[in-house]
Protein backbone atom coordinates (compact mmCIF):
# COMPACT_ATOMS: atom_id res chain seq x y z
CA UNK A 1 -32.31 -5.34 5.62
CA UNK A 2 -31.41 -1.95 7.04
CA UNK A 3 -29.71 0.85 5.12
CA UNK A 4 -27.41 3.77 5.93
CA UNK A 5 -26.20 6.84 4.09
CA UNK A 6 -22.73 6.38 2.60
CA UNK A 7 -21.08 9.35 4.31
CA UNK A 8 -21.71 12.64 2.50
CA UNK A 9 -22.78 10.86 -0.71
CA UNK A 10 -26.34 10.43 -1.93
CA UNK A 11 -26.13 6.63 -1.77
CA UNK A 12 -28.25 4.65 0.68
CA UNK A 13 -26.35 1.38 1.11
CA UNK A 14 -27.29 -1.84 2.88
CA UNK A 15 -25.81 -2.39 6.33
CA UNK A 16 -24.27 -5.51 4.81
CA UNK A 17 -21.74 -5.12 2.00
CA UNK A 18 -20.98 -8.23 -0.05
CA UNK A 19 -17.24 -8.83 -0.21
CA UNK A 20 -15.89 -10.61 -3.27
CA UNK A 21 -12.21 -11.38 -2.86
CA UNK A 22 -12.66 -15.17 -3.01
CA UNK A 23 -14.24 -15.00 -6.47
CA UNK A 24 -11.73 -16.09 -9.05
CA UNK A 25 -9.81 -18.45 -6.77
CA UNK A 26 -11.95 -20.14 -4.12
CA UNK A 27 -15.17 -19.43 -6.02
CA UNK A 28 -15.88 -19.66 -9.75
CA UNK A 29 -18.29 -17.61 -11.88
CA UNK A 30 -21.29 -19.81 -11.18
CA UNK A 31 -20.74 -19.71 -7.41
CA UNK A 32 -20.20 -15.94 -7.45
CA UNK A 33 -23.39 -15.46 -9.45
CA UNK A 34 -25.29 -17.49 -6.87
CA UNK A 35 -23.86 -15.40 -4.04
CA UNK A 36 -24.77 -12.13 -5.74
CA UNK A 37 -28.29 -13.30 -6.57
CA UNK A 38 -28.84 -14.54 -3.02
CA UNK A 39 -27.47 -11.35 -1.47
CA UNK A 40 -29.61 -9.09 -3.64
CA UNK A 41 -32.69 -11.20 -2.88
CA UNK A 42 -32.06 -10.52 0.82
CA UNK A 43 -31.80 -6.75 0.33
CA UNK A 44 -28.05 -6.23 -0.10
CA UNK A 45 -27.33 -3.54 -2.67
CA UNK A 46 -23.60 -2.95 -2.05
CA UNK A 47 -20.72 -5.05 -3.48
CA UNK A 48 -17.05 -4.43 -2.71
CA UNK A 49 -14.18 -5.57 -4.91
CA UNK A 50 -10.69 -4.47 -6.02
CA UNK A 51 -8.51 -4.63 -9.08
CA UNK A 52 -5.95 -6.84 -7.27
CA UNK A 53 -8.50 -9.54 -6.33
CA UNK A 54 -8.76 -12.56 -6.05
CA UNK A 55 -6.87 -13.10 -2.78
CA UNK A 56 -4.16 -14.12 -2.10
CA UNK A 57 -3.04 -11.69 -4.82
CA UNK A 58 -0.96 -13.14 -7.64
CA UNK A 59 -0.31 -12.22 -11.27
CA UNK A 60 -2.64 -15.06 -12.31
CA UNK A 61 -5.59 -13.92 -10.20
CA UNK A 62 -5.20 -10.16 -10.84
CA UNK A 63 -8.46 -8.66 -12.12
CA UNK A 64 -10.38 -11.93 -12.04
CA UNK A 65 -12.89 -10.81 -9.41
CA UNK A 66 -13.81 -7.63 -11.26
CA UNK A 67 -14.23 -9.71 -14.44
CA UNK A 68 -16.58 -12.10 -12.66
CA UNK A 69 -18.70 -9.19 -11.41
CA UNK A 70 -18.60 -7.71 -14.90
CA UNK A 71 -19.97 -10.92 -16.37
CA UNK A 72 -22.81 -10.86 -13.83
CA UNK A 73 -23.57 -7.20 -14.63
CA UNK A 74 -23.58 -7.98 -18.33
CA UNK A 75 -26.15 -10.71 -17.73
CA UNK A 76 -28.26 -8.51 -15.40
CA UNK A 77 -28.29 -5.01 -16.93
CA UNK A 78 -31.64 -4.12 -15.37
CA UNK A 79 -30.14 -4.49 -11.88
CA UNK A 80 -27.15 -2.19 -12.45
CA UNK A 81 -28.64 1.10 -11.25
CA UNK A 82 -29.84 -0.50 -8.00
CA UNK A 83 -26.54 -2.27 -7.27
CA UNK A 84 -23.72 -0.14 -5.91
CA UNK A 85 -20.29 -1.33 -6.99
CA UNK A 86 -17.20 -0.33 -5.00
CA UNK A 87 -13.72 -1.14 -6.25
CA UNK A 88 -10.18 -0.13 -5.40
CA UNK A 89 -6.91 0.87 -7.05
CA UNK A 90 -3.91 -1.08 -5.72
CA UNK A 91 -1.13 0.85 -4.04
CA UNK A 92 2.59 0.36 -4.45
CA UNK A 93 4.34 -2.94 -3.93
CA UNK A 94 2.81 -5.46 -6.33
CA UNK A 95 5.21 -5.71 -9.29
CA UNK A 96 2.60 -7.16 -11.66
CA UNK A 97 0.36 -4.10 -11.18
CA UNK A 98 1.86 -1.09 -12.99
CA UNK A 99 5.33 -2.26 -12.02
CA UNK A 100 4.59 -1.86 -8.32
CA UNK A 101 4.42 1.93 -8.71
CA UNK A 102 2.68 4.19 -6.18
CA UNK A 103 -0.72 5.70 -6.85
CA UNK A 104 -0.70 8.95 -8.85
CA UNK A 105 -3.32 10.98 -10.66
CA UNK A 106 -2.19 9.37 -13.91
CA UNK A 107 -2.38 5.80 -12.61
CA UNK A 108 -5.84 6.52 -11.14
CA UNK A 109 -7.11 7.38 -14.62
CA UNK A 110 -5.48 4.27 -16.11
CA UNK A 111 -6.75 1.98 -13.37
CA UNK A 112 -10.31 3.34 -13.52
CA UNK A 113 -10.45 2.65 -17.25
CA UNK A 114 -9.16 -0.90 -16.77
CA UNK A 115 -11.66 -1.59 -13.96
CA UNK A 116 -14.54 -0.26 -16.05
CA UNK A 117 -13.59 -2.63 -18.85
CA UNK A 118 -13.41 -5.63 -16.53
CA UNK A 119 -16.62 -4.66 -14.74
CA UNK A 120 -18.39 -4.09 -18.08
CA UNK A 121 -20.01 -0.91 -16.80
CA UNK A 122 -19.88 2.79 -17.60
CA UNK A 123 -19.36 3.98 -14.03
CA UNK A 124 -18.13 2.92 -10.60
CA UNK A 125 -20.24 3.97 -7.61
CA UNK A 126 -17.38 4.12 -5.09
CA UNK A 127 -13.72 4.20 -6.13
CA UNK A 128 -11.27 3.66 -3.28
CA UNK A 129 -7.52 3.88 -2.73
CA UNK A 130 -6.67 0.36 -1.52
CA UNK A 131 -3.81 1.57 0.69
CA UNK A 132 -1.87 4.85 0.93
CA UNK A 133 1.48 5.47 -0.70
CA UNK A 134 3.08 5.98 2.69
CA UNK A 135 3.40 3.01 5.06
CA UNK A 136 0.35 2.91 7.30
CA UNK A 137 -0.20 1.01 10.58
CA UNK A 138 -2.28 -1.81 9.15
CA UNK A 139 -1.72 -5.50 8.36
CA UNK A 140 0.09 -6.23 11.60
CA UNK A 141 2.03 -2.94 11.68
CA UNK A 142 0.00 -1.30 14.46
CA UNK A 143 2.46 -1.99 17.29
CA UNK A 144 4.35 1.07 18.64
CA UNK A 145 7.31 2.03 16.44
CA UNK A 146 6.53 -0.69 13.90
CA UNK A 147 5.95 2.26 11.59
CA UNK A 148 8.10 5.35 12.08
CA UNK A 149 5.84 8.26 11.21
CA UNK A 150 8.68 10.72 11.77
CA UNK A 151 10.55 9.18 8.82
CA UNK A 152 7.80 10.23 6.42
CA UNK A 153 7.87 13.58 4.59
CA UNK A 154 4.37 14.95 5.12
CA UNK A 155 4.74 17.67 2.48
CA UNK A 156 5.74 15.16 -0.20
CA UNK A 157 2.83 12.91 0.70
CA UNK A 158 0.43 15.85 0.75
CA UNK A 159 1.47 16.85 -2.76
CA UNK A 160 1.02 13.26 -3.88
CA UNK A 161 -2.47 13.19 -2.38
CA UNK A 162 -3.34 16.38 -4.24
CA UNK A 163 -2.19 14.79 -7.49
CA UNK A 164 -4.38 11.74 -6.76
CA UNK A 165 -7.39 13.95 -6.07
CA UNK A 166 -6.85 15.75 -9.37
CA UNK A 167 -6.87 12.40 -11.17
CA UNK A 168 -10.04 11.37 -9.34
CA UNK A 169 -11.60 14.71 -10.24
CA UNK A 170 -11.08 14.04 -13.94
CA UNK A 171 -12.77 10.67 -13.58
CA UNK A 172 -15.71 12.16 -11.66
CA UNK A 173 -16.20 14.90 -14.24
CA UNK A 174 -16.06 12.30 -17.01
CA UNK A 175 -18.86 10.37 -15.27
CA UNK A 176 -16.64 7.31 -14.73
CA UNK A 177 -16.81 7.33 -10.92
CA UNK A 178 -19.51 8.75 -8.67
CA UNK A 179 -17.78 8.89 -5.28
CA UNK A 180 -14.31 8.43 -3.81
CA UNK A 181 -13.12 6.63 -0.69
CA UNK A 182 -10.13 5.40 1.27
CA UNK A 183 -8.95 2.06 2.62
CA UNK A 184 -6.32 1.12 5.19
CA UNK A 185 -5.68 4.74 6.06
CA UNK A 186 -5.51 6.86 9.23
CA UNK A 187 -7.07 10.03 10.69
CA UNK A 188 -4.17 12.07 9.25
CA UNK A 189 -4.85 10.58 5.84
CA UNK A 190 -8.58 11.26 6.04
CA UNK A 191 -8.17 14.82 7.21
CA UNK A 192 -5.42 15.71 4.75
CA UNK A 193 -7.57 14.57 1.85
CA UNK A 194 -10.53 16.54 3.23
CA UNK A 195 -8.45 19.71 3.60
CA UNK A 196 -7.15 19.39 0.06
CA UNK A 197 -10.64 18.78 -1.29
CA UNK A 198 -11.94 21.91 0.43
CA UNK A 199 -9.00 24.06 -0.60
CA UNK A 200 -8.94 23.06 -4.27
CA UNK A 201 -12.63 22.18 -4.83
CA UNK A 202 -11.85 18.54 -5.56
CA UNK A 203 -13.88 15.35 -4.86
CA UNK A 204 -14.50 14.64 -1.20
CA UNK A 205 -13.72 11.27 0.32
CA UNK A 206 -17.02 9.78 1.51
CA UNK A 207 -15.82 6.55 3.14
CA UNK A 208 -12.98 4.51 4.58
CA UNK A 209 -12.67 0.76 5.01
CA UNK A 210 -10.27 -0.63 7.58
CA UNK A 211 -9.94 -3.94 9.37
CA UNK A 212 -12.19 -3.94 12.43
CA UNK A 213 -13.33 -6.89 14.52
CA UNK A 214 -13.43 -8.40 18.02
CA UNK A 215 -9.69 -9.10 17.88
CA UNK A 216 -8.62 -5.85 16.24
CA UNK A 217 -10.51 -2.70 17.18
CA UNK A 218 -7.77 -0.06 17.12
CA UNK A 219 -9.96 2.35 15.11
CA UNK A 220 -12.21 2.81 18.14
CA UNK A 221 -12.52 5.48 19.34
CA UNK A 222 -10.29 8.00 17.58
CA UNK A 223 -10.62 7.21 13.88
CA UNK A 224 -14.31 6.37 14.15
CA UNK A 225 -15.04 9.59 16.04
CA UNK A 226 -13.25 11.42 13.22
CA UNK A 227 -15.46 9.63 10.67
CA UNK A 228 -18.68 10.50 12.49
CA UNK A 229 -17.96 14.21 12.77
CA UNK A 230 -16.54 14.51 9.23
CA UNK A 231 -19.43 12.51 7.73
CA UNK A 232 -17.20 9.69 6.49
CA UNK A 233 -18.80 6.24 6.18
CA UNK A 234 -16.90 3.62 8.16
CA UNK A 235 -16.81 0.22 6.42
CA UNK A 236 -15.21 -2.57 8.48
CA UNK A 237 -13.43 -5.20 6.45
CA UNK A 238 -12.49 -8.62 7.82
CA UNK A 239 -15.10 -8.54 10.60
CA UNK A 240 -14.26 -12.23 11.14
CA UNK A 241 -10.49 -11.51 11.21
CA UNK A 242 -9.87 -13.50 8.02
CA UNK A 243 -12.26 -16.19 9.20
CA UNK A 244 -10.63 -17.01 12.53
CA UNK A 245 -13.59 -15.66 14.54
CA UNK A 246 -15.77 -18.37 13.01
CA UNK A 247 -13.82 -20.80 15.20
CA UNK A 248 -12.75 -23.00 12.29
CA UNK A 249 -9.00 -22.49 12.86
CA UNK A 250 -8.92 -23.25 16.60
CA UNK A 251 -5.85 -25.18 17.77
CA UNK A 252 -4.25 -25.14 14.33
CA UNK A 253 -7.13 -26.60 12.32
CA UNK A 254 -6.92 -25.89 8.59
CA UNK A 255 -10.09 -27.02 6.79
CA UNK A 256 -9.41 -27.99 3.20
CA UNK A 257 -9.93 -25.10 0.81
CA UNK A 258 -10.15 -22.48 3.58
CA UNK A 259 -8.27 -19.21 3.27
CA UNK A 260 -5.69 -20.06 5.93
CA UNK A 261 -4.99 -23.35 4.16
CA UNK A 262 -3.92 -21.49 1.01
CA UNK A 263 -2.33 -18.37 2.51
CA UNK A 264 1.41 -17.93 2.72
CA UNK A 265 2.87 -17.98 6.22
CA UNK A 266 3.71 -14.26 6.26
CA UNK A 267 0.04 -13.50 5.57
CA UNK A 268 -1.03 -15.32 8.75
CA UNK A 269 0.00 -12.58 11.19
CA UNK A 270 -3.36 -13.01 12.94
CA UNK A 271 -2.41 -16.59 13.88
CA UNK A 272 -1.14 -16.13 17.45
CA UNK A 273 -1.64 -17.97 20.72
CA UNK A 274 -3.64 -15.02 22.08
CA UNK A 275 -5.89 -15.09 19.00
CA UNK A 276 -6.49 -18.80 19.57
CA UNK A 277 -7.28 -18.31 23.27
CA UNK A 278 -9.56 -15.33 22.60
CA UNK A 279 -11.51 -17.12 19.87
CA UNK A 280 -12.13 -20.09 22.16
CA UNK A 281 -13.74 -17.76 24.68
CA UNK A 282 -15.81 -15.94 22.05
CA UNK A 283 -17.03 -19.33 20.84
CA UNK A 284 -18.26 -20.07 24.38
CA UNK A 285 -20.10 -16.73 24.50
CA UNK A 286 -21.81 -17.54 21.20
CA UNK A 287 -22.85 -20.98 22.47
CA UNK A 288 -24.35 -19.40 25.59
CA UNK A 289 -26.73 -17.35 23.43
CA UNK A 290 -27.37 -20.04 20.81
CA UNK A 291 -25.83 -18.19 17.88
CA UNK A 292 -22.79 -19.05 15.81
CA UNK A 293 -19.38 -17.51 16.57
CA UNK A 294 -19.44 -15.77 13.19
CA UNK A 295 -22.83 -14.24 13.96
CA UNK A 296 -21.59 -12.98 17.32
CA UNK A 297 -18.64 -11.26 15.65
CA UNK A 298 -20.79 -9.72 12.91
CA UNK A 299 -23.63 -8.42 15.10
CA UNK A 300 -21.02 -6.93 17.47
CA UNK A 301 -19.47 -5.10 14.55
CA UNK A 302 -22.81 -3.85 13.23
CA UNK A 303 -23.88 -2.33 16.55
CA UNK A 304 -20.76 -0.17 16.93
CA UNK A 305 -21.61 3.53 16.77
CA UNK A 306 -20.26 4.94 13.50
CA UNK A 307 -20.27 1.71 11.47
CA UNK A 308 -22.10 2.24 8.16
CA UNK A 309 -21.87 -1.11 6.38
CA UNK A 310 -19.90 -4.24 7.30
CA UNK A 311 -18.10 -6.07 4.49
CA UNK A 312 -18.74 -9.80 4.70
CA UNK A 313 -17.38 -12.61 2.56
CA UNK A 314 -18.25 -16.27 2.14
CA UNK A 315 -17.20 -19.22 0.06
CA UNK A 316 -20.54 -21.07 0.29
CA UNK A 317 -24.18 -20.02 0.20
CA UNK A 318 -24.71 -21.56 3.63
CA UNK A 319 -21.97 -19.35 5.06
CA UNK A 320 -23.44 -16.32 3.31
CA UNK A 321 -26.93 -16.94 4.68
CA UNK A 322 -25.55 -17.53 8.18
CA UNK A 323 -23.64 -14.26 8.04
CA UNK A 324 -26.52 -12.19 6.67
CA UNK A 325 -28.85 -13.48 9.40
CA UNK A 326 -26.47 -12.01 11.99
CA UNK A 327 -27.63 -8.52 11.04
CA UNK A 328 -31.16 -9.29 12.24
CA UNK A 329 -29.87 -10.08 15.73
CA UNK A 330 -29.74 -7.65 18.64
CA UNK A 331 -27.02 -7.75 21.27
CA UNK A 332 -28.49 -7.60 24.76
CA UNK A 333 -26.69 -5.81 27.56
CA UNK A 334 -25.78 -9.20 29.01
CA UNK A 335 -24.25 -10.33 25.72
CA UNK A 336 -22.27 -7.13 25.42
CA UNK A 337 -20.99 -7.57 28.98
CA UNK A 338 -19.84 -11.10 28.18
CA UNK A 339 -18.10 -9.93 25.01
CA UNK A 340 -16.42 -7.10 26.89
CA UNK A 341 -15.07 -9.51 29.49
CA UNK A 342 -13.23 -11.43 26.76
CA UNK A 343 -12.09 -8.28 25.01
CA UNK A 344 -10.56 -6.93 28.21
CA UNK A 345 -8.50 -10.10 28.51
CA UNK A 346 -7.35 -9.92 24.89
CA UNK A 347 -7.42 -6.26 23.79
CA UNK A 348 -4.68 -6.78 21.16
CA UNK A 349 -4.67 -10.44 20.17
CA UNK A 350 -2.34 -10.08 17.19
């Protein structure tokens, strides 16, 4: 296992981050424990979760994933200081989480306390804002004019971000969180937080996690360049594009118990004809080099300049082992050329 510095923090995290959003719905406590134990045995020291998990988010599954991790931590106290736990506060829009209210300094403090209780720990290594209060160009909203940036009041949002940083600051000073990060944000969001941190001597964002994969690489080059020069760790989530890059959903297939078999239709924005056609070609590239389609997608993600740690998820131990092995692979120039040929045909598949 290889390790990288988490931005400007003092944490050295594994290049593989264990995602957890299936725990509490597709996976039970025993299965999650097995995944954690297997991941740690293979050198992973970084686990990502969120208060709103499991996914798909519902009132019934809210907080279940953190509770599962908390039960594991309670049973393995000696491993806590060597296991970095990242979690996230949910943004506005989910009525069962603080009435769907936006993130504020006050709700940060409340949410941190609730996460600590579920996680059964005294501190969180990385506390992230799951999505910004303003509408951001993620989750299928990256097409031109899908989001109207000119409709947003930048001064109002900046003041809100300052309030959030002040809430985070109280948690840091209380020893409840070690570092702060972003998720589903933009270069403007990153840089505004950094400016506010510098101006008011408040905690500095050390990381951002956004969707990034063979079908969806809009963060390259501009956001990732920003991350490199501002010392922000870049953490790709959904490197398999919600599993489609494994090839298991080709031509409308829906394996029983898979994420796409339980997702609501409006959550399947990645399910397009171009996605299907692109995945078929990536599957052929993987076959040519005798690796699995999932491994091709993961090793491609890992070798991108600026990527710090790739967040992977699995519902079975076999899937987990397959995915972790991808990070021991090396993409040859020929493999990269073949991947690029497909990417040029399908630069924006969904």
